[in-house]
Amino acid sequence: MAIESAAAPTILLLGGGYTLQRVAAKLPIDDFVITSRFEDTCAAWRSRGWKAHRVSLQEPETLRAVLAMYPSLRVLVDSVPPVRSGDSAQGVQAACDVIRESALTRVLYLSTTGVFGVRDGSVVSEQTPAAPWNEQGEARLACEQAYRACGIPSTSLRLPAIYGPDRGLHVSLRNGTYKMVGAGEAWSNRIHVEDLADIIIRACRAFELPEVLCVSDDSPARARDIVEFLCAREGLPFPASVSEDEVLAARAYTMLSNQRINNALMKRVLSMELRFPSYREGFVS
C-alpha cells in the first residue's frame, strides 16, 4: 500500500504496465503521476487514489497537458514499447519535442538487453557495444538514441526477462505453453518485478547516473537448469522443445538470446542488494 505524502509529484510513469504499476504501489501516493493510453484504466487507478491520466505518444498534446498540470514533475520513466511500423522511435521523438519545454531533468528509459545482440553465451556489461541482430533490438536501440539526443540527461535501463506473481517461466510451465529451445543450453537472465521496482525508484532518486545500466539478478542460468528446478519443485512434466528455425519463423527473438548479464555497475551505482538474487529465491509463487 502506498504511503500518504504531501509532496507535489516529481515522477511521471509513462505507460502503466506490469512493472510501473508495481513502482506506483511502492511510491508515496502523492509522489507520482501514472499514465495509460486507456481512460478506463486511468479511472480504475484514480479510484485507488493515484494521479492518473490518459497519455498517448501518438497524441503529444496529451503528454504536454499532464506536464503543464504538474509543473513539479522532474523525472520521466518511459516504459512504452516502440511502435511496430514506420519509424520505431517516433513516439520518443514526439515525447522529446514536448519535454524539452518542460521542467523535467531526467529520463529513465526501460530498454532491453536484446540491444546487445549477443548469442554466444558471453558476459555483457555497459561497455559491451550494442549490436542488435533483429528488428526488436534495433527498435529499442533507436529509442535509446533518440532520448540521448533529446538534450535532457537520460539513462537506458537494459532489462532482461521480468517475472513475478502471475508472470514468468513458472506460469508458462504450469499452463503448458512454455517451449524450450533445443536442449536449453543457452544462458538466460531475469529480474524479479519487486527488485526491478526498487531499482527504478532508486534510479529516480539518484544524484547522477550513467547513460546505460544493465539490470539483472546475480545469477545468469541456463534455461534447462531453471526448467529442471521448477518441474522438480512443482511435479510438472518436462516441456517440449522447439528448434531455432521454428523460433525464428515465429519472430520470438528473445528466446534466442544467449548472454550473461553483469549487474555490478547497477548494484554499485544504486547501492543495493537484491531481494531475489537468483531464480531459486524468486520463483516462489
C-alpha atoms as a PDB file:
ATOM      1  CA  MET A   1       0.000   0.000   0.000  1.00  0.00           C
ATOM      2  CA  ALA A   2       1.292   3.423  -0.912  1.00  0.00           C
ATOM      3  CA  ILE A   3       2.197   5.851   1.871  1.00  0.00           C
ATOM      4  CA  GLU A   4       0.480   9.230   2.087  1.00  0.00           C
ATOM      5  CA  SER A   5       2.681  12.208   1.235  1.00  0.00           C
ATOM      6  CA  ALA A   6       2.009  15.916   0.987  1.00  0.00           C
ATOM      7  CA  ALA A   7       4.744  16.448  -1.594  1.00  0.00           C
ATOM      8  CA  ALA A   8       3.937  17.558  -5.150  1.00  0.00           C
ATOM      9  CA  PRO A   9       4.556  14.727  -7.647  1.00  0.00           C
ATOM     10  CA  THR A  10       8.060  14.540  -9.091  1.00  0.00           C
ATOM     11  CA  ILE A  11       7.918  11.238 -11.039  1.00  0.00           C
ATOM     12  CA  LEU A  12       5.943  10.659 -14.231  1.00  0.00           C
ATOM     13  CA  LEU A  13       5.340   6.981 -15.009  1.00  0.00           C
ATOM     14  CA  LEU A  14       4.681   6.778 -18.725  1.00  0.00           C
ATOM     15  CA  GLY A  15       2.814   3.591 -19.586  1.00  0.00           C
ATOM     16  CA  GLY A  16       1.453   1.798 -16.528  1.00  0.00           C
ATOM     17  CA  GLY A  17       2.102  -1.850 -17.313  1.00  0.00           C
ATOM     18  CA  TYR A  18       3.173  -4.735 -15.086  1.00  0.00           C
ATOM     19  CA  THR A  19       6.362  -3.063 -13.850  1.00  0.00           C
ATOM     20  CA  LEU A  20       5.289   0.550 -13.441  1.00  0.00           C
ATOM     21  CA  GLN A  21       2.141  -0.421 -11.565  1.00  0.00           C
ATOM     22  CA  ARG A  22       4.445  -2.117  -9.055  1.00  0.00           C
ATOM     23  CA  VAL A  23       6.585   1.037  -8.918  1.00  0.00           C
ATOM     24  CA  ALA A  24       3.450   3.101  -8.261  1.00  0.00           C
ATOM     25  CA  ALA A  25       2.375   0.796  -5.442  1.00  0.00           C
ATOM     26  CA  LYS A  26       5.739   1.308  -3.714  1.00  0.00           C
ATOM     27  CA  LEU A  27       5.911   5.096  -4.064  1.00  0.00           C
ATOM     28  CA  PRO A  28       4.262   7.600  -1.718  1.00  0.00           C
ATOM     29  CA  ILE A  29       0.867   8.261  -3.224  1.00  0.00           C
ATOM     30  CA  ASP A  30       1.478  11.944  -3.983  1.00  0.00           C
ATOM     31  CA  ASP A  31       4.978  11.490  -5.419  1.00  0.00           C
ATOM     32  CA  PHE A  32       3.980  10.247  -8.874  1.00  0.00           C
ATOM     33  CA  VAL A  33       1.650  10.549 -11.825  1.00  0.00           C
ATOM     34  CA  ILE A  34       0.902   7.407 -13.842  1.00  0.00           C
ATOM     35  CA  THR A  35      -0.437   7.227 -17.403  1.00  0.00           C
ATOM     36  CA  SER A  36      -2.168   4.815 -19.740  1.00  0.00           C
ATOM     37  CA  ARG A  37      -3.498   5.020 -23.268  1.00  0.00           C
ATOM     38  CA  PHE A  38      -6.868   3.875 -21.922  1.00  0.00           C
ATOM     39  CA  GLU A  39      -9.175   6.134 -19.932  1.00  0.00           C
ATOM     40  CA  ASP A  40     -10.930   3.247 -18.164  1.00  0.00           C
ATOM     41  CA  THR A  41      -7.566   2.069 -16.822  1.00  0.00           C
ATOM     42  CA  CYS A  42      -6.830   5.567 -15.545  1.00  0.00           C
ATOM     43  CA  ALA A  43     -10.258   5.718 -13.910  1.00  0.00           C
ATOM     44  CA  ALA A  44      -9.550   2.471 -12.044  1.00  0.00           C
ATOM     45  CA  TRP A  45      -6.233   3.872 -10.818  1.00  0.00           C
ATOM     46  CA  ARG A  46      -7.861   7.110  -9.701  1.00  0.00           C
ATOM     47  CA  SER A  47     -10.239   5.031  -7.579  1.00  0.00           C
ATOM     48  CA  ARG A  48      -7.112   3.885  -5.706  1.00  0.00           C
ATOM     49  CA  GLY A  49      -6.131   7.493  -5.081  1.00  0.00           C
ATOM     50  CA  TRP A  50      -3.451   7.614  -7.782  1.00  0.00           C
ATOM     51  CA  LYS A  51      -2.975  10.653 -10.005  1.00  0.00           C
ATOM     52  CA  ALA A  52      -3.671   9.016 -13.368  1.00  0.00           C
ATOM     53  CA  HIS A  53      -4.182  10.497 -16.832  1.00  0.00           C
ATOM     54  CA  ARG A  54      -4.591   9.244 -20.353  1.00  0.00           C
ATOM     55  CA  VAL A  55      -1.443   9.858 -22.424  1.00  0.00           C
ATOM     56  CA  SER A  56      -0.607   8.590 -25.901  1.00  0.00           C
ATOM     57  CA  LEU A  57       2.670   9.460 -27.578  1.00  0.00           C
ATOM     58  CA  GLN A  58       0.760   9.399 -30.853  1.00  0.00           C
ATOM     59  CA  GLU A  59      -1.068  12.441 -29.424  1.00  0.00           C
ATOM     60  CA  PRO A  60       1.757  14.573 -27.963  1.00  0.00           C
ATOM     61  CA  GLU A  61      -0.693  17.150 -26.656  1.00  0.00           C
ATOM     62  CA  THR A  62      -1.834  14.618 -24.025  1.00  0.00           C
ATOM     63  CA  LEU A  63       1.705  14.495 -22.595  1.00  0.00           C
ATOM     64  CA  ARG A  64       2.021  18.274 -22.798  1.00  0.00           C
ATOM     65  CA  ALA A  65      -1.204  18.674 -20.824  1.00  0.00           C
ATOM     66  CA  VAL A  66      -0.012  16.416 -17.985  1.00  0.00           C
ATOM     67  CA  LEU A  67       3.327  18.213 -17.724  1.00  0.00           C
ATOM     68  CA  ALA A  68       1.506  21.549 -17.594  1.00  0.00           C
ATOM     69  CA  MET A  69      -0.852  20.226 -14.924  1.00  0.00           C
ATOM     70  CA  TYR A  70       2.030  19.076 -12.711  1.00  0.00           C
ATOM     71  CA  PRO A  71       4.951  21.528 -13.039  1.00  0.00           C
ATOM     72  CA  SER A  72       6.703  19.778 -10.132  1.00  0.00           C
ATOM     73  CA  LEU A  73       7.492  16.716 -12.282  1.00  0.00           C
ATOM     74  CA  ARG A  74      11.226  16.165 -12.674  1.00  0.00           C
ATOM     75  CA  VAL A  75      11.781  12.514 -13.734  1.00  0.00           C
ATOM     76  CA  LEU A  76      10.131  10.691 -16.621  1.00  0.00           C
ATOM     77  CA  VAL A  77      10.122   6.876 -16.584  1.00  0.00           C
ATOM     78  CA  ASP A  78       9.215   5.639 -20.079  1.00  0.00           C
ATOM     79  CA  SER A  79       8.039   2.033 -20.395  1.00  0.00           C
ATOM     80  CA  VAL A  80       6.172   2.468 -23.695  1.00  0.00           C
ATOM     81  CA  PRO A  81       7.179  -0.106 -26.357  1.00  0.00           C
ATOM     82  CA  PRO A  82       8.421   1.172 -29.729  1.00  0.00           C
ATOM     83  CA  VAL A  83       5.863   1.426 -32.497  1.00  0.00           C
ATOM     84  CA  ARG A  84       5.834  -1.621 -34.749  1.00  0.00           C
ATOM     85  CA  SER A  85       5.687   0.103 -38.122  1.00  0.00           C
ATOM     86  CA  GLY A  86       7.459   3.047 -39.676  1.00  0.00           C
ATOM     87  CA  ASP A  87       9.944   4.949 -37.533  1.00  0.00           C
ATOM     88  CA  SER A  88      10.217   2.921 -34.326  1.00  0.00           C
ATOM     89  CA  ALA A  89      11.438   5.948 -32.356  1.00  0.00           C
ATOM     90  CA  GLN A  90       8.671   8.316 -33.436  1.00  0.00           C
ATOM     91  CA  GLY A  91       6.974   8.093 -30.021  1.00  0.00           C
ATOM     92  CA  VAL A  92      10.198   9.012 -28.236  1.00  0.00           C
ATOM     93  CA  GLN A  93      10.846  11.832 -30.675  1.00  0.00           C
ATOM     94  CA  ALA A  94       7.357  13.184 -30.046  1.00  0.00           C
ATOM     95  CA  ALA A  95       7.979  12.962 -26.300  1.00  0.00           C
ATOM     96  CA  CYS A  96      11.271  14.823 -26.684  1.00  0.00           C
ATOM     97  CA  ASP A  97       9.575  17.656 -28.561  1.00  0.00           C
ATOM     98  CA  VAL A  98       7.321  18.089 -25.522  1.00  0.00           C
ATOM     99  CA  ILE A  99       9.704  17.511 -22.626  1.00  0.00           C
ATOM    100  CA  ARG A 100      12.303  19.967 -23.927  1.00  0.00           C
ATOM    101  CA  GLU A 101       9.779  22.653 -22.977  1.00  0.00           C
ATOM    102  CA  SER A 102       9.166  21.181 -19.502  1.00  0.00           C
ATOM    103  CA  ALA A 103      10.885  21.223 -16.102  1.00  0.00           C
ATOM    104  CA  LEU A 104      11.935  17.572 -16.397  1.00  0.00           C
ATOM    105  CA  THR A 105      15.589  16.977 -15.521  1.00  0.00           C
ATOM    106  CA  ARG A 106      15.990  13.254 -16.212  1.00  0.00           C
ATOM    107  CA  VAL A 107      14.587  10.435 -18.327  1.00  0.00           C
ATOM    108  CA  LEU A 108      14.739   6.746 -17.461  1.00  0.00           C
ATOM    109  CA  TYR A 109      14.011   4.572 -20.495  1.00  0.00           C
ATOM    110  CA  LEU A 110      13.131   0.916 -19.940  1.00  0.00           C
ATOM    111  CA  SER A 111      15.044  -0.782 -22.736  1.00  0.00           C
ATOM    112  CA  THR A 112      16.222  -4.367 -23.191  1.00  0.00           C
ATOM    113  CA  THR A 113      19.420  -6.381 -23.023  1.00  0.00           C
ATOM    114  CA  GLY A 114      18.400  -7.521 -26.503  1.00  0.00           C
ATOM    115  CA  VAL A 115      20.184  -4.445 -27.889  1.00  0.00           C
ATOM    116  CA  PHE A 116      23.499  -6.232 -27.280  1.00  0.00           C
ATOM    117  CA  GLY A 117      22.657  -8.918 -29.803  1.00  0.00           C
ATOM    118  CA  VAL A 118      24.948 -11.424 -28.060  1.00  0.00           C
ATOM    119  CA  ARG A 119      24.217 -15.077 -28.832  1.00  0.00           C
ATOM    120  CA  ASP A 120      27.394 -16.905 -27.840  1.00  0.00           C
ATOM    121  CA  GLY A 121      26.872 -17.068 -24.071  1.00  0.00           C
ATOM    122  CA  SER A 122      29.494 -14.446 -23.249  1.00  0.00           C
ATOM    123  CA  VAL A 123      29.294 -11.910 -20.423  1.00  0.00           C
ATOM    124  CA  VAL A 124      27.966  -8.465 -21.325  1.00  0.00           C
ATOM    125  CA  SER A 125      28.174  -5.182 -19.421  1.00  0.00           C
ATOM    126  CA  GLU A 126      27.668  -1.484 -20.055  1.00  0.00           C
ATOM    127  CA  GLN A 127      30.939  -1.491 -22.035  1.00  0.00           C
ATOM    128  CA  THR A 128      29.695  -4.132 -24.491  1.00  0.00           C
ATOM    129  CA  PRO A 129      28.863  -2.498 -27.854  1.00  0.00           C
ATOM    130  CA  ALA A 130      25.206  -2.553 -28.834  1.00  0.00           C
ATOM    131  CA  ALA A 131      24.776  -4.687 -31.957  1.00  0.00           C
ATOM    132  CA  PRO A 132      21.144  -5.834 -32.226  1.00  0.00           C
ATOM    133  CA  TRP A 133      20.540  -8.611 -34.740  1.00  0.00           C
ATOM    134  CA  ASN A 134      16.751  -8.277 -35.134  1.00  0.00           C
ATOM    135  CA  GLU A 135      14.177  -5.539 -35.563  1.00  0.00           C
ATOM    136  CA  GLN A 136      13.043  -5.632 -31.928  1.00  0.00           C
ATOM    137  CA  GLY A 137      16.527  -4.875 -30.627  1.00  0.00           C
ATOM    138  CA  GLU A 138      17.075  -2.273 -33.351  1.00  0.00           C
ATOM    139  CA  ALA A 139      13.838  -0.501 -32.367  1.00  0.00           C
ATOM    140  CA  ARG A 140      14.825  -0.332 -28.705  1.00  0.00           C
ATOM    141  CA  LEU A 141      18.276   0.989 -29.551  1.00  0.00           C
ATOM    142  CA  ALA A 142      16.738   3.657 -31.800  1.00  0.00           C
ATOM    143  CA  CYS A 143      14.595   4.808 -28.866  1.00  0.00           C
ATOM    144  CA  GLU A 144      17.629   4.920 -26.559  1.00  0.00           C
ATOM    145  CA  GLN A 145      19.498   7.031 -29.082  1.00  0.00           C
ATOM    146  CA  ALA A 146      16.559   9.390 -29.560  1.00  0.00           C
ATOM    147  CA  TYR A 147      16.462  10.103 -25.820  1.00  0.00           C
ATOM    148  CA  ARG A 148      20.234  10.662 -25.728  1.00  0.00           C
ATOM    149  CA  ALA A 149      19.815  13.270 -28.454  1.00  0.00           C
ATOM    150  CA  CYS A 150      16.929  14.927 -26.612  1.00  0.00           C
ATOM    151  CA  GLY A 151      19.009  17.374 -24.600  1.00  0.00           C
ATOM    152  CA  ILE A 152      17.864  16.075 -21.188  1.00  0.00           C
ATOM    153  CA  PRO A 153      20.070  13.580 -19.289  1.00  0.00           C
ATOM    154  CA  SER A 154      18.794  10.067 -19.904  1.00  0.00           C
ATOM    155  CA  THR A 155      19.625   6.577 -18.686  1.00  0.00           C
ATOM    156  CA  SER A 156      18.656   3.412 -20.514  1.00  0.00           C
ATOM    157  CA  LEU A 157      17.907   0.570 -18.123  1.00  0.00           C
ATOM    158  CA  ARG A 158      18.610  -2.511 -20.212  1.00  0.00           C
ATOM    159  CA  LEU A 159      16.278  -5.160 -18.851  1.00  0.00           C
ATOM    160  CA  PRO A 160      16.195  -8.956 -19.157  1.00  0.00           C
ATOM    161  CA  ALA A 161      13.071 -11.105 -18.677  1.00  0.00           C
ATOM    162  CA  ILE A 162      10.825  -9.680 -15.948  1.00  0.00           C
ATOM    163  CA  TYR A 163       8.988 -12.130 -13.717  1.00  0.00           C
ATOM    164  CA  GLY A 164       6.932 -12.219 -10.546  1.00  0.00           C
ATOM    165  CA  PRO A 165       3.413 -13.062  -9.414  1.00  0.00           C
ATOM    166  CA  ASP A 166       1.348 -14.252 -12.381  1.00  0.00           C
ATOM    167  CA  ARG A 167       4.142 -13.706 -14.872  1.00  0.00           C
ATOM    168  CA  GLY A 168       7.195 -15.715 -15.869  1.00  0.00           C
ATOM    169  CA  LEU A 169       8.525 -19.101 -16.848  1.00  0.00           C
ATOM    170  CA  HIS A 170       6.840 -20.767 -13.850  1.00  0.00           C
ATOM    171  CA  VAL A 171       3.430 -19.627 -15.092  1.00  0.00           C
ATOM    172  CA  SER A 172       4.147 -20.791 -18.654  1.00  0.00           C
ATOM    173  CA  LEU A 173       5.231 -24.218 -17.389  1.00  0.00           C
ATOM    174  CA  ARG A 174       2.079 -24.570 -15.320  1.00  0.00           C
ATOM    175  CA  ASN A 175      -0.233 -23.747 -18.218  1.00  0.00           C
ATOM    176  CA  GLY A 176       1.747 -25.826 -20.696  1.00  0.00           C
ATOM    177  CA  THR A 177       2.722 -23.017 -23.074  1.00  0.00           C
ATOM    178  CA  TYR A 178       6.484 -22.966 -22.434  1.00  0.00           C
ATOM    179  CA  LYS A 179       8.741 -24.441 -25.117  1.00  0.00           C
ATOM    180  CA  MET A 180      12.483 -24.831 -24.622  1.00  0.00           C
ATOM    181  CA  VAL A 181      14.816 -24.001 -27.486  1.00  0.00           C
ATOM    182  CA  GLY A 182      16.817 -27.088 -28.348  1.00  0.00           C
ATOM    183  CA  ALA A 183      18.388 -28.700 -25.284  1.00  0.00           C
ATOM    184  CA  GLY A 184      18.099 -25.493 -23.230  1.00  0.00           C
ATOM    185  CA  GLU A 185      21.826 -24.798 -23.156  1.00  0.00           C
ATOM    186  CA  ALA A 186      21.535 -21.053 -23.796  1.00  0.00           C
ATOM    187  CA  TRP A 187      22.189 -18.649 -20.919  1.00  0.00           C
ATOM    188  CA  SER A 188      19.258 -16.558 -19.733  1.00  0.00           C
ATOM    189  CA  ASN A 189      18.859 -13.610 -17.390  1.00  0.00           C
ATOM    190  CA  ARG A 190      15.935 -12.279 -15.370  1.00  0.00           C
ATOM    191  CA  ILE A 191      14.878  -9.764 -12.746  1.00  0.00           C
ATOM    192  CA  HIS A 192      12.032 -10.074 -10.253  1.00  0.00           C
ATOM    193  CA  VAL A 193       9.474  -7.289 -10.579  1.00  0.00           C
ATOM    194  CA  GLU A 194       9.871  -6.362  -6.895  1.00  0.00           C
ATOM    195  CA  ASP A 195      13.605  -5.834  -7.344  1.00  0.00           C
ATOM    196  CA  LEU A 196      13.050  -4.002 -10.609  1.00  0.00           C
ATOM    197  CA  ALA A 197      10.583  -1.617  -8.992  1.00  0.00           C
ATOM    198  CA  ASP A 198      13.131  -0.846  -6.270  1.00  0.00           C
ATOM    199  CA  ILE A 199      15.829  -0.326  -8.908  1.00  0.00           C
ATOM    200  CA  ILE A 200      13.653   2.161 -10.802  1.00  0.00           C
ATOM    201  CA  ILE A 201      12.777   4.092  -7.650  1.00  0.00           C
ATOM    202  CA  ARG A 202      16.433   4.305  -6.614  1.00  0.00           C
ATOM    203  CA  ALA A 203      17.367   5.431 -10.124  1.00  0.00           C
ATOM    204  CA  CYS A 204      14.692   8.162  -9.968  1.00  0.00           C
ATOM    205  CA  ARG A 205      16.243   9.462  -6.759  1.00  0.00           C
ATOM    206  CA  ALA A 206      19.913   9.034  -7.656  1.00  0.00           C
ATOM    207  CA  PHE A 207      22.041  12.152  -7.882  1.00  0.00           C
ATOM    208  CA  GLU A 208      23.859  11.033 -11.024  1.00  0.00           C
ATOM    209  CA  LEU A 209      23.542   8.072 -13.389  1.00  0.00           C
ATOM    210  CA  PRO A 210      25.425   6.726 -16.418  1.00  0.00           C
ATOM    211  CA  GLU A 211      23.782   6.639 -19.843  1.00  0.00           C
ATOM    212  CA  VAL A 212      23.330   2.859 -19.609  1.00  0.00           C
ATOM    213  CA  LEU A 213      22.738   0.468 -16.714  1.00  0.00           C
ATOM    214  CA  CYS A 214      22.485  -3.301 -17.166  1.00  0.00           C
ATOM    215  CA  VAL A 215      19.721  -4.662 -14.959  1.00  0.00           C
ATOM    216  CA  SER A 216      19.600  -8.320 -13.950  1.00  0.00           C
ATOM    217  CA  ASP A 217      19.735 -10.555 -10.918  1.00  0.00           C
ATOM    218  CA  ASP A 218      23.019 -12.015  -9.681  1.00  0.00           C
ATOM    219  CA  SER A 219      22.671 -15.407 -11.336  1.00  0.00           C
ATOM    220  CA  PRO A 220      22.568 -15.959 -15.084  1.00  0.00           C
ATOM    221  CA  ALA A 221      21.435 -19.528 -15.657  1.00  0.00           C
ATOM    222  CA  ARG A 222      20.967 -21.982 -18.474  1.00  0.00           C
ATOM    223  CA  ALA A 223      17.350 -22.381 -19.483  1.00  0.00           C
ATOM    224  CA  ARG A 224      17.425 -26.119 -18.841  1.00  0.00           C
ATOM    225  CA  ASP A 225      18.598 -25.664 -15.247  1.00  0.00           C
ATOM    226  CA  ILE A 226      15.675 -23.371 -14.444  1.00  0.00           C
ATOM    227  CA  VAL A 227      13.177 -25.689 -16.118  1.00  0.00           C
ATOM    228  CA  GLU A 228      14.508 -28.711 -14.235  1.00  0.00           C
ATOM    229  CA  PHE A 229      14.330 -26.808 -10.943  1.00  0.00           C
ATOM    230  CA  LEU A 230      10.718 -25.734 -11.468  1.00  0.00           C
ATOM    231  CA  CYS A 231       9.494 -29.055 -12.844  1.00  0.00           C
ATOM    232  CA  ALA A 232      11.018 -30.923  -9.907  1.00  0.00           C
ATOM    233  CA  ARG A 233       9.599 -28.476  -7.363  1.00  0.00           C
ATOM    234  CA  GLU A 234       6.078 -28.495  -8.769  1.00  0.00           C
ATOM    235  CA  GLY A 235       5.845 -32.004 -10.178  1.00  0.00           C
ATOM    236  CA  LEU A 236       5.367 -30.743 -13.721  1.00  0.00           C
ATOM    237  CA  PRO A 237       6.148 -32.642 -16.913  1.00  0.00           C
ATOM    238  CA  PHE A 238       9.272 -31.584 -18.784  1.00  0.00           C
ATOM    239  CA  PRO A 239       8.296 -29.262 -21.670  1.00  0.00           C
ATOM    240  CA  ALA A 240       8.665 -29.995 -25.349  1.00  0.00           C
ATOM    241  CA  SER A 241      11.488 -28.416 -27.340  1.00  0.00           C
ATOM    242  CA  VAL A 242      11.419 -26.279 -30.457  1.00  0.00           C
ATOM    243  CA  SER A 243      14.173 -25.633 -32.981  1.00  0.00           C
ATOM    244  CA  GLU A 244      15.835 -22.287 -33.605  1.00  0.00           C
ATOM    245  CA  ASP A 245      14.269 -22.258 -37.069  1.00  0.00           C
ATOM    246  CA  GLU A 246      10.799 -22.541 -35.543  1.00  0.00           C
ATOM    247  CA  VAL A 247      11.558 -19.701 -33.146  1.00  0.00           C
ATOM    248  CA  LEU A 248      12.826 -17.515 -35.973  1.00  0.00           C
ATOM    249  CA  ALA A 249       9.714 -18.244 -38.037  1.00  0.00           C
ATOM    250  CA  ALA A 250       7.612 -17.075 -35.078  1.00  0.00           C
ATOM    251  CA  ARG A 251       9.829 -13.976 -34.658  1.00  0.00           C
ATOM    252  CA  ALA A 252      10.193 -14.850 -30.957  1.00  0.00           C
ATOM    253  CA  TYR A 253      13.667 -13.347 -30.915  1.00  0.00           C
ATOM    254  CA  THR A 254      14.040 -13.043 -27.153  1.00  0.00           C
ATOM    255  CA  MET A 255      14.034 -16.853 -26.966  1.00  0.00           C
ATOM    256  CA  LEU A 256      17.294 -16.902 -28.939  1.00  0.00           C
ATOM    257  CA  SER A 257      19.280 -14.651 -26.620  1.00  0.00           C
ATOM    258  CA  ASN A 258      22.352 -16.316 -25.122  1.00  0.00           C
ATOM    259  CA  GLN A 259      24.304 -13.988 -22.843  1.00  0.00           C
ATOM    260  CA  ARG A 260      25.233 -13.453 -19.193  1.00  0.00           C
ATOM    261  CA  ILE A 261      24.483 -10.003 -17.782  1.00  0.00           C
ATOM    262  CA  ASN A 262      26.984  -8.403 -15.410  1.00  0.00           C
ATOM    263  CA  ASN A 263      24.990  -6.289 -12.925  1.00  0.00           C
ATOM    264  CA  ALA A 264      27.956  -4.975 -10.895  1.00  0.00           C
ATOM    265  CA  LEU A 265      27.641  -1.350 -12.029  1.00  0.00           C
ATOM    266  CA  MET A 266      23.919  -1.279 -11.282  1.00  0.00           C
ATOM    267  CA  LYS A 267      24.452  -2.531  -7.732  1.00  0.00           C
ATOM    268  CA  ARG A 268      27.325  -0.135  -7.127  1.00  0.00           C
ATOM    269  CA  VAL A 269      25.663   2.982  -8.553  1.00  0.00           C
ATOM    270  CA  LEU A 270      22.362   2.326  -6.788  1.00  0.00           C
ATOM    271  CA  SER A 271      23.934   0.975  -3.570  1.00  0.00           C
ATOM    272  CA  MET A 272      21.626  -2.007  -3.372  1.00  0.00           C
ATOM    273  CA  GLU A 273      21.411  -5.718  -2.816  1.00  0.00           C
ATOM    274  CA  LEU A 274      18.661  -7.725  -4.439  1.00  0.00           C
ATOM    275  CA  ARG A 275      15.813  -9.343  -2.559  1.00  0.00           C
ATOM    276  CA  PHE A 276      15.724 -12.102  -5.179  1.00  0.00           C
ATOM    277  CA  PRO A 277      19.357 -12.656  -6.276  1.00  0.00           C
ATOM    278  CA  SER A 278      18.503 -15.794  -8.269  1.00  0.00           C
ATOM    279  CA  TYR A 279      15.555 -17.711  -9.673  1.00  0.00           C
ATOM    280  CA  ARG A 280      15.659 -20.040  -6.659  1.00  0.00           C
ATOM    281  CA  GLU A 281      14.517 -17.241  -4.384  1.00  0.00           C
ATOM    282  CA  GLY A 282      12.318 -15.551  -6.952  1.00  0.00           C
ATOM    283  CA  PHE A 283      10.089 -18.336  -8.240  1.00  0.00           C
ATOM    284  CA  VAL A 284       8.072 -18.651  -5.061  1.00  0.00           C
ATOM    285  CA  SER A 285       4.551 -18.054  -6.349  1.00  0.00           C
END
